[in-house]
C-alpha cells in the first residue's frame, strides 16, 4: 500500500518537473493545459489518500485471498484517477494558481 502511494507521488513529481520544462513555452494555452494536468494529478493523489482511508475493505469473516491487496489498490487508484478533475479540488487549485500568476504579472 505504501509503495503505491509513493508511486503516485513520484509520478506527480515527474509530471511537475515536465511542466516546469514547458513553463517558458510560448502560448498561454499550453501552459494552462499543463497546469490543469498537474492540478488533476494532485487531486488524484488527494483522492487516493482519502479512498485508502475510507475504503478499508477488511472483513474478518472472509480470509484474505492472495493478491487481494493489489487488486484493492488498483481499484482505488483507477477510481481516484477517474474522479480527479471532477471532484472540485483541481478547479479550485487551478483558479488559485492562475490568480497568483496574474498578480505577479500585473
Protein backbone atom coordinates (compact mmCIF):
# COMPACT_ATOMS: atom_id res chain seq x y z
CA UNK A 1 0.00 0.00 0.00
CA UNK A 2 2.77 2.44 0.88
CA UNK A 3 4.63 1.55 -2.29
CA UNK A 4 1.60 2.51 -4.42
CA UNK A 5 1.21 5.86 -2.64
CA UNK A 6 4.89 6.55 -3.22
CA UNK A 7 4.50 5.61 -6.88
CA UNK A 8 1.65 8.10 -7.26
CA UNK A 9 3.65 10.80 -5.51
CA UNK A 10 6.71 10.09 -7.70
CA UNK A 11 4.51 10.28 -10.80
CA UNK A 12 3.15 13.61 -9.56
CA UNK A 13 6.69 14.94 -9.08
CA UNK A 14 7.75 13.71 -12.52
CA UNK A 15 4.76 15.48 -14.09
CA UNK A 16 5.63 18.60 -12.14
CA UNK A 17 9.19 18.55 -13.50
CA UNK A 18 7.87 18.11 -17.05
CA UNK A 19 5.54 21.08 -16.52
CA UNK A 20 8.45 23.21 -15.30
CA UNK A 21 10.32 22.45 -18.53
CA UNK A 22 7.35 23.71 -20.53
CA UNK A 23 6.82 26.74 -18.31
CA UNK A 24 8.56 29.11 -20.67
CA UNK A 25 6.90 27.76 -23.81
CA UNK A 26 5.04 30.30 -25.94
CA UNK A 27 1.27 30.46 -25.75
CA UNK A 28 -0.70 30.52 -22.52
CA UNK A 29 -2.97 27.74 -23.78
CA UNK A 30 -0.25 25.09 -23.48
CA UNK A 31 0.66 26.35 -20.02
CA UNK A 32 -3.00 26.20 -18.97
CA UNK A 33 -3.28 22.62 -20.21
CA UNK A 34 -0.13 21.63 -18.33
CA UNK A 35 -1.33 23.38 -15.18
CA UNK A 36 -4.71 21.64 -15.43
CA UNK A 37 -2.96 18.29 -15.87
CA UNK A 38 -0.89 18.91 -12.76
CA UNK A 39 -3.83 20.05 -10.65
CA UNK A 40 -5.74 16.94 -11.76
CA UNK A 41 -2.76 14.77 -10.76
CA UNK A 42 -2.62 16.46 -7.36
CA UNK A 43 -6.36 15.96 -6.89
CA UNK A 44 -5.94 12.30 -7.84
CA UNK A 45 -3.27 11.96 -5.16
CA UNK A 46 -5.56 13.51 -2.53
CA UNK A 47 -8.45 11.30 -3.56
CA UNK A 48 -6.23 8.19 -3.41
CA UNK A 49 -5.29 9.01 0.19
CA UNK A 50 -8.95 9.60 1.09
CA UNK A 51 -10.05 6.36 -0.59
CA UNK A 52 -7.33 4.40 1.19
CA UNK A 53 -8.71 5.65 4.49
CA UNK A 54 -12.40 5.41 3.62
CA UNK A 55 -12.44 2.03 1.87
CA UNK A 56 -10.91 -0.28 4.38
CA UNK A 57 -12.18 -3.45 2.78
CA UNK A 58 -11.01 -5.81 5.51
CA UNK A 59 -13.68 -8.24 6.60
CA UNK A 60 -12.87 -10.62 9.46
CA UNK A 61 -15.48 -13.14 8.26
CA UNK A 62 -13.66 -13.82 5.00
CA UNK A 63 -9.98 -14.76 4.81
CA UNK A 64 -7.74 -12.60 2.68
CA UNK A 65 -7.07 -14.05 -0.72
CA UNK A 66 -3.74 -13.94 -2.48
CA UNK A 67 -3.35 -10.65 -4.30
CA UNK A 68 -6.44 -9.02 -2.81
CA UNK A 69 -4.44 -6.03 -1.59
CA UNK A 70 -3.05 -5.50 -5.08
CA UNK A 71 -6.50 -5.57 -6.66
CA UNK A 72 -7.93 -3.26 -4.00
CA UNK A 73 -5.07 -0.81 -4.53
CA UNK A 74 -5.55 -0.93 -8.30
CA UNK A 75 -9.28 -0.34 -7.86
CA UNK A 76 -8.70 2.67 -5.60
CA UNK A 77 -6.08 4.10 -7.93
CA UNK A 78 -8.29 3.83 -11.00
CA UNK A 79 -11.21 5.27 -9.05
CA UNK A 80 -9.14 8.25 -7.92
CA UNK A 81 -7.90 8.83 -11.49
CA UNK A 82 -11.45 8.80 -12.83
CA UNK A 83 -12.71 11.16 -10.12
CA UNK A 84 -9.85 13.62 -10.47
CA UNK A 85 -10.77 16.76 -12.32
CA UNK A 86 -14.42 16.37 -11.39
CA UNK A 87 -14.25 16.48 -7.61
CA UNK A 88 -13.57 20.22 -7.24
CA UNK A 89 -10.12 20.48 -5.69
CA UNK A 90 -8.41 20.61 -9.06
CA UNK A 91 -10.55 23.51 -10.25
CA UNK A 92 -10.03 25.45 -7.02
CA UNK A 93 -6.27 24.95 -7.17
CA UNK A 94 -6.15 25.84 -10.87
CA UNK A 95 -8.06 29.08 -10.32
CA UNK A 96 -5.93 29.98 -7.29
CA UNK A 97 -2.69 29.44 -9.20
CA UNK A 98 -3.97 31.44 -12.19
CA UNK A 99 -4.85 34.34 -9.86
CA UNK A 100 -1.39 34.17 -8.28
CA UNK A 101 0.19 34.28 -11.73
CA UNK A 102 -1.97 37.25 -12.76
CA UNK A 103 -1.00 39.16 -9.59
CA UNK A 104 2.70 38.58 -10.29
CA UNK A 105 2.33 39.89 -13.86
CA UNK A 106 0.25 42.93 -13.01
